[in-house]
Protein backbone atom coordinates (compact mmCIF):
# COMPACT_ATOMS: atom_id res chain seq x y z
CA MET A 1 40.25 -69.74 20.85
CA ASP A 2 41.84 -70.11 17.43
CA ARG A 3 40.47 -70.37 13.89
CA GLU A 4 40.22 -74.14 14.03
CA GLN A 5 38.20 -74.14 17.26
CA LEU A 6 35.87 -71.55 15.76
CA ARG A 7 35.51 -73.63 12.61
CA GLN A 8 34.52 -76.67 14.67
CA LEU A 9 31.56 -74.95 16.34
CA VAL A 10 28.34 -76.73 15.41
CA ILE A 11 24.97 -75.03 15.84
CA THR A 12 21.98 -77.35 16.13
CA GLU A 13 18.45 -76.24 15.25
CA PRO A 14 16.04 -75.11 17.97
CA ASN A 15 13.40 -77.71 18.85
CA ARG A 16 10.67 -77.52 16.19
CA ASP A 17 8.30 -79.79 18.12
CA ILE A 18 8.39 -77.42 21.09
CA ALA A 19 7.72 -74.48 18.79
CA ALA A 20 4.70 -76.26 17.30
CA ALA A 21 3.35 -77.10 20.75
CA ILE A 22 3.64 -73.47 21.85
CA LYS A 23 1.81 -72.31 18.75
CA THR A 24 -0.97 -74.82 19.42
CA HIS A 25 -1.28 -73.47 22.96
CA TRP A 26 -1.57 -69.91 21.63
CA ASP A 27 -4.41 -71.05 19.34
CA GLN A 28 -6.31 -72.46 22.33
CA ILE A 29 -6.32 -69.15 24.20
CA ALA A 30 -9.58 -67.18 24.00
CA LYS A 31 -8.57 -64.62 21.40
CA PRO A 32 -8.59 -64.38 17.62
CA LEU A 33 -5.97 -66.59 15.99
CA ASP A 34 -2.53 -64.98 15.62
CA SER A 35 -3.81 -61.82 17.29
CA MET A 36 -0.68 -61.46 19.44
CA GLY A 37 1.21 -61.08 16.18
CA GLN A 38 4.98 -61.24 16.37
CA PHE A 39 4.87 -62.14 20.06
CA GLU A 40 3.36 -65.52 19.26
CA LEU A 41 6.23 -66.22 16.87
CA LEU A 42 8.85 -64.87 19.26
CA THR A 43 7.63 -66.98 22.16
CA CYS A 44 7.66 -70.02 19.89
CA ARG A 45 11.27 -69.22 19.02
CA ILE A 46 12.31 -68.64 22.61
CA GLY A 47 10.59 -71.79 23.86
CA ALA A 48 12.14 -73.85 21.07
CA ILE A 49 15.59 -72.55 21.99
CA LEU A 50 15.07 -73.28 25.69
CA GLU A 51 13.23 -76.54 24.91
CA ASP A 52 10.55 -75.38 27.32
CA GLU A 53 6.83 -75.20 26.49
CA THR A 54 6.21 -72.94 29.49
CA VAL A 55 8.62 -70.37 28.01
CA ASP A 56 10.09 -69.46 31.38
CA ILE A 57 12.23 -66.31 31.01
CA GLY A 58 12.15 -65.36 34.67
CA LYS A 59 15.87 -64.73 35.08
CA LYS A 60 17.19 -62.22 32.56
CA ALA A 61 20.32 -60.16 32.04
CA VAL A 62 21.82 -57.70 29.59
CA ILE A 63 25.52 -58.09 28.80
CA VAL A 64 27.00 -54.67 28.01
CA MET A 65 30.38 -54.71 26.25
CA CYS A 66 32.38 -51.54 26.92
CA ALA A 67 35.31 -50.58 24.68
CA ASP A 68 37.12 -47.60 23.20
CA ASN A 69 37.86 -47.08 19.53
CA GLY A 70 41.03 -45.47 18.21
CA ILE A 71 39.18 -44.18 15.17
CA ILE A 72 37.87 -41.24 17.24
CA ALA A 73 41.23 -39.57 16.53
CA GLU A 74 39.83 -38.85 13.05
CA GLY A 75 37.15 -36.52 14.41
CA ILE A 76 34.22 -38.85 13.74
CA SER A 77 32.58 -38.28 17.14
CA GLN A 78 31.58 -35.33 19.31
CA SER A 79 32.93 -37.10 22.40
CA GLY A 80 36.19 -38.59 23.62
CA SER A 81 37.00 -41.89 25.34
CA GLU A 82 36.40 -40.33 28.76
CA VAL A 83 32.68 -40.69 28.06
CA THR A 84 33.07 -44.46 27.71
CA GLU A 85 34.69 -44.58 31.14
CA ASN A 86 32.08 -42.31 32.72
CA VAL A 87 29.08 -44.25 31.40
CA ALA A 88 30.68 -47.60 32.25
CA ALA A 89 31.27 -46.34 35.79
CA SER A 90 27.61 -45.33 35.94
CA MET A 91 26.68 -48.89 34.94
CA GLY A 92 28.95 -50.22 37.67
CA ARG A 93 27.03 -48.09 40.18
CA GLY A 94 23.69 -49.16 38.73
CA THR A 95 22.70 -45.62 37.75
CA SER A 96 22.95 -45.59 33.94
CA SER A 97 19.92 -45.58 31.67
CA VAL A 98 19.99 -49.32 31.02
CA CYS A 99 20.35 -50.05 34.74
CA LYS A 100 17.26 -48.01 35.58
CA MET A 101 15.25 -49.73 32.86
CA ALA A 102 16.48 -53.20 33.78
CA ALA A 103 15.49 -52.65 37.40
CA VAL A 104 11.88 -52.12 36.32
CA VAL A 105 11.71 -55.57 34.70
CA GLY A 106 13.87 -57.35 37.30
CA ALA A 107 16.79 -57.95 34.94
CA ASP A 108 20.47 -57.85 35.83
CA VAL A 109 23.04 -55.69 34.05
CA ILE A 110 26.49 -57.19 33.43
CA PRO A 111 28.86 -54.43 32.25
CA VAL A 112 32.11 -55.78 30.82
CA ASP A 113 35.36 -53.92 30.17
CA ILE A 114 36.44 -55.76 27.04
CA GLY A 115 38.53 -52.98 25.54
CA MET A 116 38.44 -49.72 27.49
CA ARG A 117 41.33 -47.26 27.43
CA CYS A 118 41.16 -46.00 31.02
CA ASP A 119 43.85 -46.88 33.54
CA LYS A 120 41.51 -48.79 35.85
CA THR A 121 38.33 -50.70 35.15
CA PRO A 122 35.52 -48.90 37.02
CA ASP A 123 34.13 -50.54 40.14
CA GLY A 124 31.23 -52.84 39.41
CA VAL A 125 32.41 -53.46 35.84
CA ARG A 126 33.77 -56.88 35.01
CA LYS A 127 37.35 -56.73 33.72
CA GLU A 128 37.86 -58.91 30.64
CA ARG A 129 40.06 -56.44 28.75
CA VAL A 130 41.52 -57.71 25.48
CA VAL A 131 42.94 -54.37 24.30
CA ASN A 132 43.47 -50.95 25.87
CA GLY A 133 41.25 -49.44 23.22
CA THR A 134 41.62 -50.39 19.57
CA LYS A 135 44.07 -48.72 17.23
CA ASN A 136 43.03 -46.02 14.77
CA PHE A 137 41.98 -48.07 11.75
CA ALA A 138 42.56 -45.06 9.50
CA LYS A 139 46.27 -45.60 10.19
CA GLU A 140 46.58 -49.34 10.97
CA PRO A 141 44.33 -52.34 11.64
CA ALA A 142 42.18 -51.91 14.73
CA MET A 143 43.14 -55.28 16.24
CA THR A 144 45.00 -58.46 15.53
CA GLU A 145 43.09 -61.61 14.63
CA GLN A 146 44.17 -63.09 17.96
CA GLU A 147 42.58 -60.17 19.81
CA VAL A 148 39.36 -60.62 17.85
CA LEU A 149 39.24 -64.32 18.67
CA ALA A 150 39.97 -63.61 22.34
CA ALA A 151 37.04 -61.17 22.48
CA ILE A 152 34.75 -63.69 20.79
CA GLU A 153 35.76 -66.35 23.31
CA ILE A 154 35.03 -63.99 26.21
CA GLY A 155 31.53 -63.38 24.86
CA MET A 156 30.89 -67.11 24.53
CA ASP A 157 32.24 -67.83 28.01
CA LEU A 158 29.98 -65.18 29.53
CA VAL A 159 26.93 -66.88 28.02
CA LYS A 160 28.08 -70.25 29.33
CA GLU A 161 28.48 -68.74 32.78
CA CYS A 162 25.05 -67.11 32.60
CA LYS A 163 23.45 -70.41 31.66
CA GLU A 164 25.13 -72.14 34.59
CA GLN A 165 23.71 -69.40 36.84
CA GLY A 166 20.18 -70.04 35.60
CA TYR A 167 19.64 -67.14 33.22
CA ARG A 168 16.97 -67.84 30.63
CA LEU A 169 17.15 -64.80 28.36
CA LEU A 170 20.03 -62.47 27.56
CA ALA A 171 20.21 -59.10 25.85
CA THR A 172 23.13 -57.37 24.19
CA GLY A 173 24.33 -53.86 24.93
CA GLU A 174 27.44 -51.77 24.38
CA MET A 175 29.18 -48.59 25.40
CA GLY A 176 32.00 -47.17 23.33
CA ILE A 177 32.52 -43.79 21.72
CA GLY A 178 33.12 -44.24 17.99
CA ASN A 179 31.36 -47.57 17.66
CA THR A 180 28.77 -46.42 15.13
CA THR A 181 31.76 -45.81 12.86
CA THR A 182 33.22 -49.27 13.41
CA SER A 183 29.77 -50.80 12.94
CA ALA A 184 29.08 -49.00 9.68
CA ALA A 185 32.51 -49.99 8.39
CA VAL A 186 32.02 -53.66 9.33
CA ALA A 187 28.50 -53.68 7.85
CA ALA A 188 29.76 -52.22 4.57
CA ALA A 189 32.63 -54.71 4.41
CA LEU A 190 30.45 -57.73 5.17
CA THR A 191 27.64 -56.82 2.80
CA GLY A 192 29.18 -54.82 -0.01
CA TRP A 193 26.63 -52.08 0.52
CA ASP A 194 27.55 -48.44 0.05
CA PRO A 195 28.97 -46.87 3.24
CA GLU A 196 27.38 -43.63 2.06
CA VAL A 197 24.01 -45.30 2.69
CA LEU A 198 24.97 -47.20 5.84
CA THR A 199 26.68 -44.44 7.80
CA GLY A 200 24.66 -42.29 10.20
CA ARG A 201 25.23 -39.40 12.60
CA GLY A 202 25.82 -41.53 15.69
CA ALA A 203 25.41 -39.43 18.80
CA GLY A 204 24.73 -36.30 16.74
CA LEU A 205 27.35 -35.30 14.15
CA ASP A 206 26.75 -32.21 12.04
CA ASP A 207 26.91 -32.38 8.24
CA ASP A 208 30.68 -31.84 8.12
CA GLY A 209 31.28 -34.50 10.74
CA LEU A 210 29.06 -36.97 8.93
CA SER A 211 30.85 -36.34 5.65
CA ARG A 212 34.22 -36.88 7.36
CA LYS A 213 32.94 -40.10 8.94
CA LYS A 214 31.85 -41.48 5.56
CA GLN A 215 35.17 -40.56 3.97
CA VAL A 216 37.14 -42.25 6.77
CA ILE A 217 35.15 -45.47 6.34
CA ARG A 218 35.40 -45.47 2.56
CA LYS A 219 39.16 -44.88 2.58
CA ALA A 220 39.71 -47.64 5.17
CA LEU A 221 37.72 -50.15 3.14
CA GLU A 222 39.84 -49.34 0.12
CA THR A 223 43.09 -49.48 2.10
CA TYR A 224 42.40 -52.93 3.53
CA GLY A 225 40.96 -54.35 0.33
CA LEU A 226 37.49 -54.71 1.83
CA CYS A 227 35.68 -53.27 -1.18
CA ARG A 228 33.31 -55.89 -2.56
CA GLN A 229 33.59 -56.68 -6.25
CA GLY A 230 30.10 -57.67 -7.24
CA GLN A 231 27.68 -56.02 -9.62
CA THR A 232 29.89 -52.98 -10.18
CA ASN A 233 33.23 -52.32 -11.84
CA PRO A 234 35.91 -52.67 -9.13
CA GLU A 235 38.09 -50.15 -10.96
CA GLU A 236 35.46 -47.49 -10.20
CA LYS A 237 35.80 -48.10 -6.45
CA SER A 238 32.02 -48.23 -6.37
CA PHE A 239 30.14 -49.51 -3.34
CA SER A 240 26.68 -49.43 -4.89
CA GLN A 241 26.20 -53.19 -4.94
CA THR A 242 22.70 -53.88 -3.71
CA THR A 243 22.82 -57.64 -3.16
CA PRO A 244 25.20 -58.77 -0.39
CA THR A 245 27.46 -61.72 -1.12
CA GLN A 246 28.44 -64.47 1.30
CA THR A 247 31.38 -63.66 3.56
CA SER A 248 33.63 -66.52 4.67
CA PRO A 249 34.48 -66.95 8.36
CA GLU A 250 38.11 -66.14 7.59
CA GLU A 251 37.18 -62.91 5.81
CA THR A 252 34.80 -61.97 8.63
CA LEU A 253 37.64 -62.29 11.12
CA ARG A 254 39.78 -60.07 8.90
CA VAL A 255 37.02 -57.47 8.66
CA LEU A 256 36.63 -57.36 12.45
CA ALA A 257 40.40 -57.07 12.89
CA CYS A 258 40.83 -54.31 10.28
CA VAL A 259 37.89 -52.00 11.03
CA GLY A 260 35.98 -53.50 13.96
CA GLY A 261 35.94 -52.98 17.70
CA ALA A 262 36.44 -55.11 20.78
CA ASP A 263 32.80 -54.57 21.74
CA LEU A 264 31.64 -55.82 18.32
CA ALA A 265 33.80 -58.94 18.56
CA GLY A 266 32.68 -59.62 22.13
CA LEU A 267 29.02 -59.26 21.19
CA ALA A 268 29.54 -61.61 18.23
CA GLY A 269 30.79 -64.07 20.83
CA VAL A 270 27.64 -63.55 22.92
CA PHE A 271 25.49 -64.43 19.90
CA LEU A 272 27.62 -67.48 19.16
CA GLY A 273 27.39 -68.49 22.81
CA GLY A 274 23.62 -68.13 22.74
CA ALA A 275 23.43 -70.49 19.78
CA PHE A 276 25.94 -72.96 21.18
CA TYR A 277 24.53 -73.06 24.72
CA HIS A 278 20.85 -72.68 23.71
CA ILE A 279 20.10 -69.33 25.31
CA PRO A 280 18.00 -66.80 23.34
CA VAL A 281 19.80 -63.48 22.86
CA VAL A 282 17.99 -60.20 22.20
CA LEU A 283 19.53 -57.73 19.75
CA ASP A 284 19.61 -54.07 20.62
CA GLY A 285 20.42 -51.53 17.89
CA LEU A 286 23.07 -50.98 15.23
CA ILE A 287 26.15 -52.25 17.06
CA SER A 288 24.63 -55.50 18.30
CA GLY A 289 22.93 -55.97 14.92
CA VAL A 290 26.26 -55.79 13.11
CA ALA A 291 27.76 -58.12 15.71
CA ALA A 292 24.89 -60.53 15.04
CA LEU A 293 25.60 -60.37 11.31
CA ALA A 294 29.27 -61.11 11.98
CA ALA A 295 28.31 -64.06 14.20
CA GLU A 296 26.08 -65.52 11.50
CA SER A 297 28.90 -65.09 8.98
CA LEU A 298 31.32 -66.86 11.32
CA VAL A 299 28.99 -69.77 12.12
CA PRO A 300 25.88 -70.10 9.93
CA GLY A 301 22.75 -71.01 11.87
CA THR A 302 23.46 -68.64 14.74
CA LYS A 303 20.60 -66.32 13.72
CA ALA A 304 18.02 -68.94 14.74
CA TYR A 305 18.88 -68.07 18.35
CA MET A 306 18.43 -64.32 17.98
CA VAL A 307 15.45 -62.26 19.11
CA THR A 308 14.83 -58.77 17.75
CA SER A 309 13.84 -55.70 19.72
CA HIS A 310 13.80 -52.38 17.87
CA ALA A 311 14.73 -50.61 14.66
CA SER A 312 17.49 -48.14 15.49
CA ARG A 313 17.46 -44.83 13.65
CA GLU A 314 21.01 -45.50 12.40
CA PRO A 315 20.58 -46.25 8.66
CA ALA A 316 22.50 -49.55 8.65
CA ALA A 317 20.46 -51.08 11.47
CA GLY A 318 17.27 -51.94 9.58
CA LYS A 319 19.21 -53.19 6.57
CA VAL A 320 21.24 -55.56 8.74
CA LEU A 321 18.09 -56.97 10.35
CA GLU A 322 16.56 -57.48 6.93
CA LEU A 323 19.64 -59.37 5.80
CA LEU A 324 19.38 -61.62 8.86
CA GLY A 325 15.71 -62.25 8.14
CA LEU A 326 14.67 -60.61 11.41
CA GLU A 327 11.88 -58.08 11.88
CA PRO A 328 11.99 -55.39 14.59
CA VAL A 329 9.11 -55.19 17.04
CA ILE A 330 9.61 -51.67 18.39
CA ARG A 331 9.70 -48.76 15.94
CA ALA A 332 10.35 -45.74 18.12
CA ASN A 333 13.39 -44.05 16.55
CA LEU A 334 15.63 -45.17 19.43
CA SER A 335 19.39 -44.67 19.48
CA LEU A 336 20.38 -44.55 23.16
CA GLY A 337 22.47 -47.71 23.14
CA GLU A 338 23.62 -49.56 26.26
CA GLY A 339 21.09 -52.31 25.47
CA THR A 340 18.13 -50.10 26.37
CA GLY A 341 15.99 -51.14 23.39
CA ALA A 342 16.65 -54.81 24.14
CA VAL A 343 15.61 -54.31 27.77
CA MET A 344 12.38 -52.68 26.58
CA MET A 345 11.77 -55.94 24.77
CA PHE A 346 12.09 -57.81 28.09
CA ALA A 347 9.06 -55.90 29.37
CA LEU A 348 7.00 -56.60 26.26
CA LEU A 349 7.83 -60.30 26.37
CA ASN A 350 6.82 -60.44 30.03
CA GLU A 351 3.44 -58.96 29.13
CA ALA A 352 2.91 -61.36 26.23
CA LEU A 353 3.81 -64.33 28.41
CA ALA A 354 1.32 -63.18 31.04
CA VAL A 355 -1.35 -64.03 28.47
CA TYR A 356 0.38 -67.23 27.37
CA GLY A 357 1.13 -68.53 30.86
CA ASN A 358 -2.22 -67.78 32.50
CA PRO A 359 -4.65 -68.19 29.66
CA THR A 360 -8.38 -67.78 29.51
CA THR A 361 -9.62 -70.62 27.32
CA PHE A 362 -12.63 -70.65 25.03
CA SER A 363 -14.41 -73.03 27.39
CA ASP A 364 -13.86 -70.56 30.24
CA ILE A 365 -15.91 -67.94 28.43
CA GLN A 366 -18.28 -70.44 26.78
CA VAL A 367 -17.31 -69.44 23.24
CA GLN A 368 -16.59 -71.81 20.40
CA GLN A 369 -12.90 -72.04 19.58
CA TYR A 370 -11.68 -70.38 16.39
CA THR A 371 -10.77 -72.74 13.56
CA ARG A 372 -7.63 -72.33 11.51
CA PHE A 373 -8.19 -72.73 7.77
CA ASP A 374 -5.42 -73.34 5.30
CA LYS A 375 -4.93 -70.43 2.95
């Protein structure tokens, strides 16, 4: 994939007529109107994407992008890249946290080596390696634009393959030590928001580690000219702009190349693939949220094909969802990663669709149907 091919991607709207029909069906079920809350809206969205009034999401999978980040050399994480390899290997064996959770809901886990540093891709992990770990963006750009585009294309191709295999709903996951740093940096660059506000503790940094992490991000944004010049004086190097400005596709590619990660770029490709091939894609936490924001910046309209799951405890996560116009369903202070929050959403959607797909109607219980009044 090159810039021109990316520029030519066209995202069509999900089917509004199908969405309206699904909402009408919800209103005919023997319950108070709108009483299933967000799940009524989410099933309308999913059905409109699939162009299916039955909202069949029987075959599901979570795509987990695994990659290492050179920025860990700056002491921004408690762990080293060996943890990425170990957890990816656990996914390959089907024993990691996300694998255990996916088994409960009958979903498949597709772990992908898109940028790991280890000598050999672990057994059971799909090898689609673009880089042998990214470079340390405190010293040089993390990737080239060509590597970013290659990772995006891999993500899109995986969605195409999943659709051909009959999958109806996908989730996004990741595994990569240091990727809360890359995500906070990309979020700050794309939005203009203060990295001081966006940067969290990741897997558990102490105060000194968190301070170092913020400094590394701030310095990198300055070095690569990614500081937004909006409501504040650019000479002050201030990042306190509160209203994000539009980021061009070209600038988004540059942001991903300078301070991003292979997992972020690959997940952006998964979101683009979902929109292009009409497969709903569930966000997980911070990393997939930032990837979703990047995808929407690359090809506007992509967010119509996204489904939320939870609000991660990382500070940037909720702000990114708000910017995308998406509202989390689960508020449980999660931060495990791997796509675990998104897989939890699979279970909740299954339960909601049990009501939708096998309804008790008002006539069944001999009760007059509720009437919807315009407000």
